[in-house]
Amino acid sequence: MKNHIAQTIAMHKKMVENLEAEGIAIIEHTANLVVNCIKNGGTLYICGNGGSAADAQHIAGEFIGRFLVNRKALPAVALSTDTSVLTCVGNDYSFEDIFARQVEGLMKKQDCLWTFSTSGSSPNVVKAAKIAKEIGAKIIAFTGKKNSPLEKISDVCLCAQADKTFAVQEIHQVAYHIICDLVEKQFS
């Protein structure tokens, strides 16, 4: 067990080193996109599946509530939280459409779509990003695979490349917490 624990910690150290080497400019760019979206009257929409859906909800909570300081609520919506919409669209159309229909009905050009897909190719997330791109909104992608379909259509992409989904999600969390902090500083 000790060897496995040490190997897992070593993997995380390497991923954090990669985030430091490759991710600082991406994190800054992402924070600026979110700040500009909000300052221009837009809303941040966030989507992902499974653990990434939980990340989307987590981020929306940080913006609507607070991250570190009391301030005005910031407009953010996790597209994974309306079970009636998700089940209606999933039943009447397809699971691939659950986020795309919401993007089509809710998003405007001044908005921003923050997408999470550890594979970078989740069909429902990619489809939502394509619709958002057609609207003219900015697309943020957090992935775990380089040169993914999601990365190719995004305005900025943070790729935490790893073979293990949980490790990708943990690096995503480090990065999005930094982004929450940077954005909040602009509105405090």
Protein backbone atom coordinates (compact mmCIF):
# COMPACT_ATOMS: atom_id res chain seq x y z
CA MET A 1 0.00 0.00 0.00
CA LYS A 2 2.76 2.46 0.89
CA ASN A 3 4.32 2.04 -2.55
CA HIS A 4 0.98 2.69 -4.27
CA ILE A 5 0.38 5.78 -2.14
CA ALA A 6 3.87 7.10 -2.95
CA GLN A 7 3.33 6.47 -6.68
CA THR A 8 0.00 8.32 -6.64
CA ILE A 9 1.54 11.29 -4.83
CA ALA A 10 4.45 11.32 -7.28
CA MET A 11 2.00 11.33 -10.22
CA HIS A 12 0.19 14.32 -8.70
CA LYS A 13 3.45 16.18 -8.10
CA LYS A 14 4.37 15.71 -11.76
CA MET A 15 0.93 16.92 -12.88
CA VAL A 16 1.16 20.00 -10.65
CA GLU A 17 4.64 20.69 -12.09
CA ASN A 18 3.12 20.47 -15.59
CA LEU A 19 0.32 22.82 -14.54
CA GLU A 20 2.90 25.29 -13.29
CA ALA A 21 5.00 25.00 -16.46
CA GLU A 22 2.17 25.06 -19.01
CA GLY A 23 -0.93 26.31 -17.22
CA ILE A 24 -0.20 29.75 -15.77
CA ALA A 25 -0.92 31.66 -18.98
CA ILE A 26 -3.97 29.47 -19.65
CA ILE A 27 -5.36 30.08 -16.17
CA GLU A 28 -4.81 33.83 -16.58
CA HIS A 29 -6.47 33.83 -20.02
CA THR A 30 -9.42 31.86 -18.65
CA ALA A 31 -9.87 34.24 -15.72
CA ASN A 32 -9.78 37.20 -18.12
CA LEU A 33 -12.43 35.60 -20.36
CA VAL A 34 -14.73 35.09 -17.36
CA VAL A 35 -14.13 38.63 -16.03
CA ASN A 36 -14.79 40.17 -19.47
CA CYS A 37 -17.93 38.06 -19.88
CA ILE A 38 -19.36 39.26 -16.57
CA LYS A 39 -18.27 42.89 -17.05
CA ASN A 40 -20.02 42.89 -20.44
CA GLY A 41 -23.31 41.72 -18.91
CA GLY A 42 -22.85 38.07 -19.78
CA THR A 43 -23.44 34.89 -17.85
CA LEU A 44 -21.03 32.01 -17.30
CA TYR A 45 -22.60 28.66 -18.21
CA ILE A 46 -20.77 25.50 -17.16
CA CYS A 47 -21.24 21.86 -18.17
CA GLY A 48 -19.75 18.41 -17.81
CA ASN A 49 -20.73 14.81 -17.05
CA GLY A 50 -20.34 12.81 -13.85
CA GLY A 51 -17.60 14.27 -11.66
CA SER A 52 -17.26 17.10 -14.16
CA ALA A 53 -20.96 17.91 -13.63
CA ALA A 54 -20.12 18.20 -9.93
CA ASP A 55 -17.24 20.52 -10.84
CA ALA A 56 -19.64 22.66 -12.89
CA GLN A 57 -21.97 22.94 -9.91
CA HIS A 58 -19.05 23.66 -7.60
CA ILE A 59 -17.88 26.57 -9.77
CA ALA A 60 -21.39 28.00 -10.12
CA GLY A 61 -21.68 27.88 -6.34
CA GLU A 62 -18.38 29.73 -5.91
CA PHE A 63 -19.59 32.53 -8.21
CA ILE A 64 -23.20 32.80 -7.02
CA GLY A 65 -22.14 32.42 -3.39
CA ARG A 66 -18.58 33.37 -2.68
CA PHE A 67 -15.11 31.96 -2.94
CA LEU A 68 -13.11 33.83 -0.29
CA VAL A 69 -14.77 37.20 0.25
CA ASN A 70 -18.28 38.61 0.56
CA ARG A 71 -19.26 40.37 -2.66
CA LYS A 72 -22.12 40.71 -5.10
CA ALA A 73 -23.27 37.43 -6.66
CA LEU A 74 -21.71 36.73 -10.07
CA PRO A 75 -23.87 35.24 -12.87
CA ALA A 76 -23.08 31.54 -13.26
CA VAL A 77 -25.27 28.55 -14.13
CA ALA A 78 -24.38 24.85 -14.07
CA LEU A 79 -26.28 23.21 -16.94
CA SER A 80 -26.33 19.87 -15.11
CA THR A 81 -28.71 20.91 -12.33
CA ASP A 82 -32.19 21.12 -13.88
CA THR A 83 -33.35 17.50 -13.77
CA SER A 84 -36.62 18.24 -15.55
CA VAL A 85 -34.79 19.78 -18.51
CA LEU A 86 -32.15 17.04 -18.56
CA THR A 87 -34.69 14.23 -18.50
CA CYS A 88 -37.07 15.93 -20.93
CA VAL A 89 -34.34 16.58 -23.50
CA GLY A 90 -32.73 13.19 -22.91
CA ASN A 91 -36.08 11.47 -23.45
CA ASP A 92 -37.52 13.59 -26.27
CA TYR A 93 -34.26 14.13 -28.18
CA SER A 94 -31.12 12.36 -26.91
CA PHE A 95 -28.54 12.49 -24.14
CA GLU A 96 -26.24 14.18 -26.67
CA ASP A 97 -28.62 17.17 -26.70
CA ILE A 98 -28.99 17.80 -22.94
CA PHE A 99 -26.55 20.71 -22.84
CA ALA A 100 -26.90 21.86 -26.46
CA ARG A 101 -30.63 22.60 -26.07
CA GLN A 102 -29.93 24.66 -22.95
CA VAL A 103 -27.14 26.55 -24.73
CA GLU A 104 -29.47 27.20 -27.66
CA GLY A 105 -32.25 28.48 -25.40
CA LEU A 106 -30.24 30.45 -22.87
CA MET A 107 -26.92 31.69 -24.20
CA LYS A 108 -26.18 35.03 -25.84
CA LYS A 109 -23.09 36.30 -27.64
CA GLN A 110 -21.73 38.03 -24.51
CA ASP A 111 -21.90 34.79 -22.50
CA CYS A 112 -19.20 32.22 -21.90
CA LEU A 113 -19.47 28.40 -21.87
CA TRP A 114 -17.03 26.59 -19.59
CA THR A 115 -16.87 22.94 -20.61
CA PHE A 116 -15.40 19.96 -18.78
CA SER A 117 -14.59 16.67 -20.49
CA THR A 118 -11.72 14.53 -19.28
CA SER A 119 -11.68 12.78 -22.68
CA GLY A 120 -12.16 16.06 -24.53
CA SER A 121 -14.68 14.30 -26.72
CA SER A 122 -17.89 13.85 -24.71
CA PRO A 123 -20.54 14.16 -27.46
CA ASN A 124 -22.99 16.21 -25.39
CA VAL A 125 -20.30 18.65 -24.22
CA VAL A 126 -18.78 19.03 -27.70
CA LYS A 127 -22.23 19.62 -29.22
CA ALA A 128 -22.98 22.32 -26.62
CA ALA A 129 -19.65 24.01 -27.41
CA LYS A 130 -20.41 23.96 -31.13
CA ILE A 131 -23.79 25.64 -30.55
CA ALA A 132 -22.20 28.23 -28.24
CA LYS A 133 -19.56 28.93 -30.89
CA GLU A 134 -22.31 29.50 -33.49
CA ILE A 135 -23.93 31.99 -31.10
CA GLY A 136 -20.59 33.82 -30.82
CA ALA A 137 -19.97 33.05 -27.14
CA LYS A 138 -16.49 32.29 -25.80
CA ILE A 139 -15.64 28.66 -25.05
CA ILE A 140 -13.41 27.48 -22.21
CA ALA A 141 -12.41 23.81 -22.23
CA PHE A 142 -10.93 21.77 -19.41
CA THR A 143 -9.81 18.39 -20.77
CA GLY A 144 -7.49 15.50 -20.08
CA LYS A 145 -6.45 14.73 -23.65
CA LYS A 146 -4.45 17.02 -25.93
CA ASN A 147 -5.75 17.90 -29.42
CA SER A 148 -9.23 16.76 -28.52
CA PRO A 149 -12.35 17.85 -30.44
CA LEU A 150 -13.25 20.13 -27.53
CA GLU A 151 -9.83 21.79 -27.51
CA LYS A 152 -10.06 22.43 -31.26
CA ILE A 153 -13.27 24.50 -30.94
CA SER A 154 -12.43 26.30 -27.70
CA ASP A 155 -10.99 29.77 -27.23
CA VAL A 156 -8.79 28.50 -24.40
CA CYS A 157 -8.11 24.96 -23.20
CA LEU A 158 -6.47 23.66 -20.05
CA CYS A 159 -5.41 20.07 -20.63
CA ALA A 160 -4.41 18.12 -17.53
CA GLN A 161 -3.21 15.08 -19.42
CA ALA A 162 -3.35 11.81 -17.47
CA ASP A 163 -4.52 8.25 -17.93
CA LYS A 164 -6.63 8.40 -14.79
CA THR A 165 -9.80 10.48 -14.80
CA PHE A 166 -9.59 11.28 -11.09
CA ALA A 167 -6.13 12.81 -11.54
CA VAL A 168 -7.36 15.00 -14.41
CA GLN A 169 -10.27 16.20 -12.25
CA GLU A 170 -8.00 16.98 -9.31
CA ILE A 171 -5.76 19.21 -11.44
CA HIS A 172 -8.86 20.83 -12.92
CA GLN A 173 -9.97 21.64 -9.38
CA VAL A 174 -6.66 23.29 -8.52
CA ALA A 175 -6.88 25.40 -11.69
CA TYR A 176 -10.53 26.39 -11.32
CA HIS A 177 -10.05 27.40 -7.70
CA ILE A 178 -7.25 29.73 -8.79
CA ILE A 179 -9.58 31.11 -11.50
CA CYS A 180 -12.38 31.63 -8.95
CA ASP A 181 -9.95 33.59 -6.79
CA LEU A 182 -8.70 35.73 -9.71
CA VAL A 183 -12.22 36.49 -10.92
CA GLU A 184 -13.50 37.29 -7.46
CA LYS A 185 -10.66 39.79 -6.91
CA GLN A 186 -11.99 41.78 -9.89
CA PHE A 187 -15.45 42.12 -8.32
CA SER A 188 -14.59 42.60 -4.63
